[in-house]
Full PDB file with SEQRES, HELIX, SHEET, SSBOND, CRYST1, ORIGX, SCALE, CONECT and MASTER records, all heavy atoms in Angstrom:
SEQRES   1 A   35  ALA GLN GLN ALA LEU GLN SER SER GLY PHE ASN GLN GLY          
SEQRES   2 A   35  ALA LEU LYS ALA GLU PRO LYS ALA ALA ALA GLU SER TYR          
SEQRES   3 A   35  ALA ARG LEU LYS ALA GLU ALA THR ALA                          
HELIX    1 AA1 GLN A    2  GLN A    6  1                                   5    
HELIX    2 AA2 GLN A   12  ALA A   14  5                                   3    
HELIX    3 AA3 ALA A   17  THR A   34  1                                  18    
CRYST1    1.000    1.000    1.000  90.00  90.00  90.00 P 1           1          
ORIGX1      1.000000  0.000000  0.000000        0.00000                         
ORIGX2      0.000000  1.000000  0.000000        0.00000                         
ORIGX3      0.000000  0.000000  1.000000        0.00000                         
SCALE1      1.000000  0.000000  0.000000        0.00000                         
SCALE2      0.000000  1.000000  0.000000        0.00000                         
SCALE3      0.000000  0.000000  1.000000        0.00000                         
ATOM      1  N   ALA A   1     -59.985 -11.294  27.415  1.00  0.00           N  
ATOM      2  CA  ALA A   1     -59.365 -11.168  28.757  1.00  0.00           C  
ATOM      3  C   ALA A   1     -60.236 -11.528  29.901  1.00  0.00           C  
ATOM      4  O   ALA A   1     -59.837 -12.077  30.942  1.00  0.00           O  
ATOM      5  CB  ALA A   1     -58.860  -9.688  28.868  1.00  0.00           C  
ATOM      6  N   GLN A   2     -61.549 -11.200  29.733  1.00  0.00           N  
ATOM      7  CA  GLN A   2     -62.516 -11.537  30.819  1.00  0.00           C  
ATOM      8  C   GLN A   2     -62.642 -13.083  30.913  1.00  0.00           C  
ATOM      9  O   GLN A   2     -62.685 -13.618  32.011  1.00  0.00           O  
ATOM     10  CB  GLN A   2     -63.901 -10.945  30.440  1.00  0.00           C  
ATOM     11  CG  GLN A   2     -64.860 -11.186  31.482  1.00  0.00           C  
ATOM     12  CD  GLN A   2     -66.242 -10.438  31.140  1.00  0.00           C  
ATOM     13  OE1 GLN A   2     -66.281  -9.837  30.082  1.00  0.00           O  
ATOM     14  NE2 GLN A   2     -67.217 -10.508  32.041  1.00  0.00           N  
ATOM     15  N   GLN A   3     -62.655 -13.742  29.798  1.00  0.00           N  
ATOM     16  CA  GLN A   3     -62.758 -15.252  29.909  1.00  0.00           C  
ATOM     17  C   GLN A   3     -61.529 -15.862  30.498  1.00  0.00           C  
ATOM     18  O   GLN A   3     -61.615 -16.826  31.224  1.00  0.00           O  
ATOM     19  CB  GLN A   3     -63.011 -15.746  28.443  1.00  0.00           C  
ATOM     20  CG  GLN A   3     -64.307 -15.403  27.823  1.00  0.00           C  
ATOM     21  CD  GLN A   3     -64.448 -15.847  26.306  1.00  0.00           C  
ATOM     22  OE1 GLN A   3     -63.398 -16.275  25.731  1.00  0.00           O  
ATOM     23  NE2 GLN A   3     -65.648 -15.708  25.827  1.00  0.00           N  
ATOM     24  N   ALA A   4     -60.373 -15.320  30.215  1.00  0.00           N  
ATOM     25  CA  ALA A   4     -59.173 -15.803  30.715  1.00  0.00           C  
ATOM     26  C   ALA A   4     -59.100 -15.550  32.240  1.00  0.00           C  
ATOM     27  O   ALA A   4     -58.674 -16.419  33.004  1.00  0.00           O  
ATOM     28  CB  ALA A   4     -57.942 -15.121  30.123  1.00  0.00           C  
ATOM     29  N   LEU A   5     -59.622 -14.433  32.699  1.00  0.00           N  
ATOM     30  CA  LEU A   5     -59.724 -14.093  34.104  1.00  0.00           C  
ATOM     31  C   LEU A   5     -60.662 -14.988  34.877  1.00  0.00           C  
ATOM     32  O   LEU A   5     -60.394 -15.499  35.957  1.00  0.00           O  
ATOM     33  CB  LEU A   5     -60.099 -12.644  34.313  1.00  0.00           C  
ATOM     34  CG  LEU A   5     -60.118 -12.078  35.766  1.00  0.00           C  
ATOM     35  CD1 LEU A   5     -58.746 -12.210  36.369  1.00  0.00           C  
ATOM     36  CD2 LEU A   5     -60.603 -10.636  35.718  1.00  0.00           C  
ATOM     37  N   GLN A   6     -61.763 -15.260  34.210  1.00  0.00           N  
ATOM     38  CA  GLN A   6     -62.767 -16.188  34.842  1.00  0.00           C  
ATOM     39  C   GLN A   6     -62.325 -17.572  34.903  1.00  0.00           C  
ATOM     40  O   GLN A   6     -62.594 -18.329  35.875  1.00  0.00           O  
ATOM     41  CB  GLN A   6     -64.051 -16.099  34.037  1.00  0.00           C  
ATOM     42  CG  GLN A   6     -64.793 -14.783  34.191  1.00  0.00           C  
ATOM     43  CD  GLN A   6     -66.093 -14.710  33.364  1.00  0.00           C  
ATOM     44  OE1 GLN A   6     -66.271 -15.532  32.488  1.00  0.00           O  
ATOM     45  NE2 GLN A   6     -66.858 -13.683  33.500  1.00  0.00           N  
ATOM     46  N   SER A   7     -61.486 -18.015  33.943  1.00  0.00           N  
ATOM     47  CA  SER A   7     -60.898 -19.380  34.042  1.00  0.00           C  
ATOM     48  C   SER A   7     -59.906 -19.569  35.152  1.00  0.00           C  
ATOM     49  O   SER A   7     -59.586 -20.751  35.507  1.00  0.00           O  
ATOM     50  CB  SER A   7     -60.283 -19.720  32.688  1.00  0.00           C  
ATOM     51  OG  SER A   7     -59.113 -18.909  32.434  1.00  0.00           O  
ATOM     52  N   SER A   8     -59.411 -18.483  35.688  1.00  0.00           N  
ATOM     53  CA  SER A   8     -58.459 -18.645  36.835  1.00  0.00           C  
ATOM     54  C   SER A   8     -59.189 -18.690  38.183  1.00  0.00           C  
ATOM     55  O   SER A   8     -58.597 -18.733  39.224  1.00  0.00           O  
ATOM     56  CB  SER A   8     -57.477 -17.474  36.840  1.00  0.00           C  
ATOM     57  OG  SER A   8     -58.188 -16.231  37.139  1.00  0.00           O  
ATOM     58  N   GLY A   9     -60.460 -18.883  38.184  1.00  0.00           N  
ATOM     59  CA  GLY A   9     -61.238 -18.973  39.394  1.00  0.00           C  
ATOM     60  C   GLY A   9     -61.601 -17.599  39.999  1.00  0.00           C  
ATOM     61  O   GLY A   9     -61.911 -17.511  41.136  1.00  0.00           O  
ATOM     62  N   PHE A  10     -61.669 -16.633  39.200  1.00  0.00           N  
ATOM     63  CA  PHE A  10     -61.975 -15.199  39.599  1.00  0.00           C  
ATOM     64  C   PHE A  10     -63.471 -15.146  40.061  1.00  0.00           C  
ATOM     65  O   PHE A  10     -64.272 -15.666  39.406  1.00  0.00           O  
ATOM     66  CB  PHE A  10     -61.669 -14.270  38.490  1.00  0.00           C  
ATOM     67  CG  PHE A  10     -62.333 -12.940  38.712  1.00  0.00           C  
ATOM     68  CD1 PHE A  10     -61.851 -12.079  39.610  1.00  0.00           C  
ATOM     69  CD2 PHE A  10     -63.544 -12.604  38.000  1.00  0.00           C  
ATOM     70  CE1 PHE A  10     -62.420 -10.808  39.758  1.00  0.00           C  
ATOM     71  CE2 PHE A  10     -64.173 -11.359  38.279  1.00  0.00           C  
ATOM     72  CZ  PHE A  10     -63.591 -10.502  39.100  1.00  0.00           C  
ATOM     73  N   ASN A  11     -63.714 -14.514  41.164  1.00  0.00           N  
ATOM     74  CA  ASN A  11     -64.998 -14.214  41.558  1.00  0.00           C  
ATOM     75  C   ASN A  11     -64.894 -12.912  42.372  1.00  0.00           C  
ATOM     76  O   ASN A  11     -63.892 -12.517  42.939  1.00  0.00           O  
ATOM     77  CB  ASN A  11     -65.737 -15.293  42.344  1.00  0.00           C  
ATOM     78  CG  ASN A  11     -64.982 -15.664  43.629  1.00  0.00           C  
ATOM     79  OD1 ASN A  11     -65.005 -14.930  44.599  1.00  0.00           O  
ATOM     80  ND2 ASN A  11     -64.288 -16.814  43.578  1.00  0.00           N  
ATOM     81  N   GLN A  12     -66.006 -12.162  42.501  1.00  0.00           N  
ATOM     82  CA  GLN A  12     -66.029 -10.895  43.177  1.00  0.00           C  
ATOM     83  C   GLN A  12     -65.605 -11.038  44.644  1.00  0.00           C  
ATOM     84  O   GLN A  12     -64.924 -10.200  45.257  1.00  0.00           O  
ATOM     85  CB  GLN A  12     -67.356 -10.203  43.040  1.00  0.00           C  
ATOM     86  CG  GLN A  12     -67.741  -9.809  41.634  1.00  0.00           C  
ATOM     87  CD  GLN A  12     -66.814  -8.683  41.134  1.00  0.00           C  
ATOM     88  OE1 GLN A  12     -66.287  -7.859  41.871  1.00  0.00           O  
ATOM     89  NE2 GLN A  12     -66.693  -8.614  39.812  1.00  0.00           N  
ATOM     90  N   GLY A  13     -66.069 -12.076  45.286  1.00  0.00           N  
ATOM     91  CA  GLY A  13     -65.689 -12.263  46.706  1.00  0.00           C  
ATOM     92  C   GLY A  13     -64.283 -12.569  46.942  1.00  0.00           C  
ATOM     93  O   GLY A  13     -63.711 -12.227  48.030  1.00  0.00           O  
ATOM     94  N   ALA A  14     -63.561 -13.151  46.003  1.00  0.00           N  
ATOM     95  CA  ALA A  14     -62.219 -13.511  46.153  1.00  0.00           C  
ATOM     96  C   ALA A  14     -61.224 -12.362  45.798  1.00  0.00           C  
ATOM     97  O   ALA A  14     -60.015 -12.482  45.988  1.00  0.00           O  
ATOM     98  CB  ALA A  14     -61.819 -14.704  45.386  1.00  0.00           C  
ATOM     99  N   LEU A  15     -61.772 -11.279  45.226  1.00  0.00           N  
ATOM    100  CA  LEU A  15     -60.937 -10.214  44.760  1.00  0.00           C  
ATOM    101  C   LEU A  15     -60.466  -9.389  45.973  1.00  0.00           C  
ATOM    102  O   LEU A  15     -61.225  -8.961  46.838  1.00  0.00           O  
ATOM    103  CB  LEU A  15     -61.771  -9.292  43.844  1.00  0.00           C  
ATOM    104  CG  LEU A  15     -60.972  -8.200  43.151  1.00  0.00           C  
ATOM    105  CD1 LEU A  15     -59.900  -8.767  42.256  1.00  0.00           C  
ATOM    106  CD2 LEU A  15     -61.950  -7.296  42.359  1.00  0.00           C  
ATOM    107  N   LYS A  16     -59.154  -9.250  46.076  1.00  0.00           N  
ATOM    108  CA  LYS A  16     -58.534  -8.579  47.217  1.00  0.00           C  
ATOM    109  C   LYS A  16     -58.225  -7.067  46.769  1.00  0.00           C  
ATOM    110  O   LYS A  16     -58.008  -6.785  45.576  1.00  0.00           O  
ATOM    111  CB  LYS A  16     -57.227  -9.239  47.610  1.00  0.00           C  
ATOM    112  CG  LYS A  16     -57.517 -10.668  48.106  1.00  0.00           C  
ATOM    113  CD  LYS A  16     -56.162 -11.326  48.499  1.00  0.00           C  
ATOM    114  CE  LYS A  16     -56.382 -12.728  48.905  1.00  0.00           C  
ATOM    115  NZ  LYS A  16     -55.130 -13.445  49.294  1.00  0.00           N  
ATOM    116  N   ALA A  17     -58.098  -6.214  47.717  1.00  0.00           N  
ATOM    117  CA  ALA A  17     -57.959  -4.767  47.453  1.00  0.00           C  
ATOM    118  C   ALA A  17     -56.561  -4.484  46.861  1.00  0.00           C  
ATOM    119  O   ALA A  17     -56.425  -3.790  45.966  1.00  0.00           O  
ATOM    120  CB  ALA A  17     -58.159  -4.038  48.757  1.00  0.00           C  
ATOM    121  N   GLU A  18     -55.579  -5.061  47.450  1.00  0.00           N  
ATOM    122  CA  GLU A  18     -54.142  -4.696  47.004  1.00  0.00           C  
ATOM    123  C   GLU A  18     -53.916  -5.227  45.632  1.00  0.00           C  
ATOM    124  O   GLU A  18     -53.433  -4.494  44.762  1.00  0.00           O  
ATOM    125  CB  GLU A  18     -53.148  -5.296  47.971  1.00  0.00           C  
ATOM    126  CG  GLU A  18     -53.187  -4.612  49.333  1.00  0.00           C  
ATOM    127  CD  GLU A  18     -52.088  -5.127  50.179  1.00  0.00           C  
ATOM    128  OE1 GLU A  18     -51.342  -6.062  49.817  1.00  0.00           O  
ATOM    129  OE2 GLU A  18     -52.011  -4.586  51.389  1.00  0.00           O  
ATOM    130  N   PRO A  19     -54.232  -6.516  45.252  1.00  0.00           N  
ATOM    131  CA  PRO A  19     -54.024  -6.922  43.870  1.00  0.00           C  
ATOM    132  C   PRO A  19     -54.887  -6.067  42.843  1.00  0.00           C  
ATOM    133  O   PRO A  19     -54.396  -5.782  41.811  1.00  0.00           O  
ATOM    134  CB  PRO A  19     -54.468  -8.369  43.902  1.00  0.00           C  
ATOM    135  CG  PRO A  19     -54.298  -8.824  45.218  1.00  0.00           C  
ATOM    136  CD  PRO A  19     -54.579  -7.649  46.100  1.00  0.00           C  
ATOM    137  N   LYS A  20     -56.050  -5.731  43.311  1.00  0.00           N  
ATOM    138  CA  LYS A  20     -56.924  -4.898  42.399  1.00  0.00           C  
ATOM    139  C   LYS A  20     -56.278  -3.550  42.124  1.00  0.00           C  
ATOM    140  O   LYS A  20     -56.213  -3.105  41.007  1.00  0.00           O  
ATOM    141  CB  LYS A  20     -58.268  -4.695  43.083  1.00  0.00           C  
ATOM    142  CG  LYS A  20     -59.199  -3.906  42.217  1.00  0.00           C  
ATOM    143  CD  LYS A  20     -60.551  -3.737  42.936  1.00  0.00           C  
ATOM    144  CE  LYS A  20     -61.466  -2.820  42.097  1.00  0.00           C  
ATOM    145  NZ  LYS A  20     -62.766  -2.532  42.640  1.00  0.00           N  
ATOM    146  N   ALA A  21     -55.770  -2.916  43.236  1.00  0.00           N  
ATOM    147  CA  ALA A  21     -55.147  -1.564  43.029  1.00  0.00           C  
ATOM    148  C   ALA A  21     -53.924  -1.690  42.157  1.00  0.00           C  
ATOM    149  O   ALA A  21     -53.629  -0.897  41.292  1.00  0.00           O  
ATOM    150  CB  ALA A  21     -54.804  -1.024  44.427  1.00  0.00           C  
ATOM    151  N   ALA A  22     -53.111  -2.806  42.409  1.00  0.00           N  
ATOM    152  CA  ALA A  22     -51.891  -2.959  41.551  1.00  0.00           C  
ATOM    153  C   ALA A  22     -52.305  -3.215  40.090  1.00  0.00           C  
ATOM    154  O   ALA A  22     -51.610  -2.735  39.165  1.00  0.00           O  
ATOM    155  CB  ALA A  22     -51.061  -4.161  42.122  1.00  0.00           C  
ATOM    156  N   ALA A  23     -53.293  -3.984  39.890  1.00  0.00           N  
ATOM    157  CA  ALA A  23     -53.681  -4.275  38.520  1.00  0.00           C  
ATOM    158  C   ALA A  23     -54.226  -3.047  37.824  1.00  0.00           C  
ATOM    159  O   ALA A  23     -53.912  -2.847  36.632  1.00  0.00           O  
ATOM    160  CB  ALA A  23     -54.771  -5.408  38.536  1.00  0.00           C  
ATOM    161  N   GLU A  24     -54.967  -2.301  38.534  1.00  0.00           N  
ATOM    162  CA  GLU A  24     -55.510  -1.102  37.923  1.00  0.00           C  
ATOM    163  C   GLU A  24     -54.469  -0.018  37.614  1.00  0.00           C  
ATOM    164  O   GLU A  24     -54.436   0.633  36.568  1.00  0.00           O  
ATOM    165  CB  GLU A  24     -56.540  -0.397  38.770  1.00  0.00           C  
ATOM    166  CG  GLU A  24     -57.804  -1.205  38.855  1.00  0.00           C  
ATOM    167  CD  GLU A  24     -58.886  -0.590  39.822  1.00  0.00           C  
ATOM    168  OE1 GLU A  24     -58.466   0.318  40.615  1.00  0.00           O  
ATOM    169  OE2 GLU A  24     -60.077  -1.039  39.840  1.00  0.00           O  
ATOM    170  N   SER A  25     -53.427   0.024  38.516  1.00  0.00           N  
ATOM    171  CA  SER A  25     -52.269   0.911  38.207  1.00  0.00           C  
ATOM    172  C   SER A  25     -51.515   0.466  37.012  1.00  0.00           C  
ATOM    173  O   SER A  25     -51.066   1.244  36.143  1.00  0.00           O  
ATOM    174  CB  SER A  25     -51.373   0.959  39.507  1.00  0.00           C  
ATOM    175  OG  SER A  25     -50.219   1.759  39.171  1.00  0.00           O  
ATOM    176  N   TYR A  26     -51.333  -0.828  36.940  1.00  0.00           N  
ATOM    177  CA  TYR A  26     -50.610  -1.439  35.777  1.00  0.00           C  
ATOM    178  C   TYR A  26     -51.382  -1.198  34.523  1.00  0.00           C  
ATOM    179  O   TYR A  26     -50.808  -0.891  33.467  1.00  0.00           O  
ATOM    180  CB  TYR A  26     -50.416  -2.948  35.992  1.00  0.00           C  
ATOM    181  CG  TYR A  26     -49.718  -3.578  34.847  1.00  0.00           C  
ATOM    182  CD1 TYR A  26     -48.361  -3.648  34.783  1.00  0.00           C  
ATOM    183  CD2 TYR A  26     -50.410  -4.270  33.863  1.00  0.00           C  
ATOM    184  CE1 TYR A  26     -47.719  -4.310  33.793  1.00  0.00           C  
ATOM    185  CE2 TYR A  26     -49.845  -4.924  32.859  1.00  0.00           C  
ATOM    186  CZ  TYR A  26     -48.451  -4.890  32.770  1.00  0.00           C  
ATOM    187  OH  TYR A  26     -47.861  -5.538  31.743  1.00  0.00           O  
ATOM    188  N   ALA A  27     -52.690  -1.311  34.546  1.00  0.00           N  
ATOM    189  CA  ALA A  27     -53.527  -1.124  33.365  1.00  0.00           C  
ATOM    190  C   ALA A  27     -53.403   0.362  32.925  1.00  0.00           C  
ATOM    191  O   ALA A  27     -53.307   0.601  31.699  1.00  0.00           O  
ATOM    192  CB  ALA A  27     -54.962  -1.414  33.653  1.00  0.00           C  
ATOM    193  N   ARG A  28     -53.422   1.296  33.870  1.00  0.00           N  
ATOM    194  CA  ARG A  28     -53.288   2.675  33.442  1.00  0.00           C  
ATOM    195  C   ARG A  28     -51.915   2.972  32.819  1.00  0.00           C  
ATOM    196  O   ARG A  28     -51.847   3.687  31.822  1.00  0.00           O  
ATOM    197  CB  ARG A  28     -53.479   3.575  34.674  1.00  0.00           C  
ATOM    198  CG  ARG A  28     -54.908   3.729  35.088  1.00  0.00           C  
ATOM    199  CD  ARG A  28     -55.072   4.902  36.104  1.00  0.00           C  
ATOM    200  NE  ARG A  28     -54.337   4.652  37.327  1.00  0.00           N  
ATOM    201  CZ  ARG A  28     -54.811   4.008  38.329  1.00  0.00           C  
ATOM    202  NH1 ARG A  28     -56.076   3.519  38.367  1.00  0.00           N  
ATOM    203  NH2 ARG A  28     -54.121   3.826  39.435  1.00  0.00           N  
ATOM    204  N   LEU A  29     -50.837   2.377  33.386  1.00  0.00           N  
ATOM    205  CA  LEU A  29     -49.499   2.584  32.779  1.00  0.00           C  
ATOM    206  C   LEU A  29     -49.456   1.960  31.362  1.00  0.00           C  
ATOM    207  O   LEU A  29     -48.906   2.629  30.430  1.00  0.00           O  
ATOM    208  CB  LEU A  29     -48.495   1.933  33.662  1.00  0.00           C  
ATOM    209  CG  LEU A  29     -48.061   2.666  34.876  1.00  0.00           C  
ATOM    210  CD1 LEU A  29     -47.154   1.741  35.771  1.00  0.00           C  
ATOM    211  CD2 LEU A  29     -47.381   3.991  34.604  1.00  0.00           C  
ATOM    212  N   LYS A  30     -50.007   0.803  31.248  1.00  0.00           N  
ATOM    213  CA  LYS A  30     -49.923   0.217  29.913  1.00  0.00           C  
ATOM    214  C   LYS A  30     -50.796   0.937  28.862  1.00  0.00           C  
ATOM    215  O   LYS A  30     -50.404   1.101  27.703  1.00  0.00           O  
ATOM    216  CB  LYS A  30     -50.466  -1.284  29.966  1.00  0.00           C  
ATOM    217  CG  LYS A  30     -50.153  -2.135  28.749  1.00  0.00           C  
ATOM    218  CD  LYS A  30     -50.329  -3.554  29.034  1.00  0.00           C  
ATOM    219  CE  LYS A  30     -49.959  -4.339  27.792  1.00  0.00           C  
ATOM    220  NZ  LYS A  30     -50.196  -5.855  28.035  1.00  0.00           N  
ATOM    221  N   ALA A  31     -51.925   1.473  29.281  1.00  0.00           N  
ATOM    222  CA  ALA A  31     -52.776   2.207  28.369  1.00  0.00           C  
ATOM    223  C   ALA A  31     -52.075   3.565  27.937  1.00  0.00           C  
ATOM    224  O   ALA A  31     -52.097   3.966  26.786  1.00  0.00           O  
ATOM    225  CB  ALA A  31     -54.084   2.568  29.009  1.00  0.00           C  
ATOM    226  N   GLU A  32     -51.395   4.152  28.886  1.00  0.00           N  
ATOM    227  CA  GLU A  32     -50.644   5.408  28.617  1.00  0.00           C  
ATOM    228  C   GLU A  32     -49.450   5.060  27.692  1.00  0.00           C  
ATOM    229  O   GLU A  32     -49.168   5.839  26.806  1.00  0.00           O  
ATOM    230  CB  GLU A  32     -50.138   5.978  29.914  1.00  0.00           C  
ATOM    231  CG  GLU A  32     -49.550   7.370  29.728  1.00  0.00           C  
ATOM    232  CD  GLU A  32     -49.177   8.072  31.029  1.00  0.00           C  
ATOM    233  OE1 GLU A  32     -49.504   7.522  32.088  1.00  0.00           O  
ATOM    234  OE2 GLU A  32     -48.546   9.143  30.933  1.00  0.00           O  
ATOM    235  N   ALA A  33     -48.786   3.898  27.914  1.00  0.00           N  
ATOM    236  CA  ALA A  33     -47.729   3.480  27.077  1.00  0.00           C  
ATOM    237  C   ALA A  33     -48.212   3.240  25.602  1.00  0.00           C  
ATOM    238  O   ALA A  33     -47.589   3.645  24.636  1.00  0.00           O  
ATOM    239  CB  ALA A  33     -47.036   2.311  27.554  1.00  0.00           C  
ATOM    240  N   THR A  34     -49.376   2.698  25.488  1.00  0.00           N  
ATOM    241  CA  THR A  34     -49.962   2.443  24.159  1.00  0.00           C  
ATOM    242  C   THR A  34     -50.265   3.729  23.441  1.00  0.00           C  
ATOM    243  O   THR A  34     -49.941   3.911  22.285  1.00  0.00           O  
ATOM    244  CB  THR A  34     -51.238   1.567  24.309  1.00  0.00           C  
ATOM    245  OG1 THR A  34     -50.933   0.323  24.939  1.00  0.00           O  
ATOM    246  CG2 THR A  34     -51.850   1.294  22.894  1.00  0.00           C  
ATOM    247  N   ALA A  35     -50.805   4.683  24.176  1.00  0.00           N  
ATOM    248  CA  ALA A  35     -51.092   5.948  23.637  1.00  0.00           C  
ATOM    249  C   ALA A  35     -49.881   6.679  23.188  1.00  0.00           C  
ATOM    250  O   ALA A  35     -49.795   7.290  22.100  1.00  0.00           O  
ATOM    251  CB  ALA A  35     -51.876   6.840  24.611  1.00  0.00           C  
TER     252      ALA A  35                                                      
MASTER        0    0    0    3    0    0    0    6  251    1    0    3          
END                                                                             
């Protein structure tokens, strides 16, 4: 997943707050669904 993210041109400076918050919320939901 990290390699796929880096291949999309990801860098720390380009990371925006809103997409990050949405992604983290989605990750928590998916982890809870897996459990």
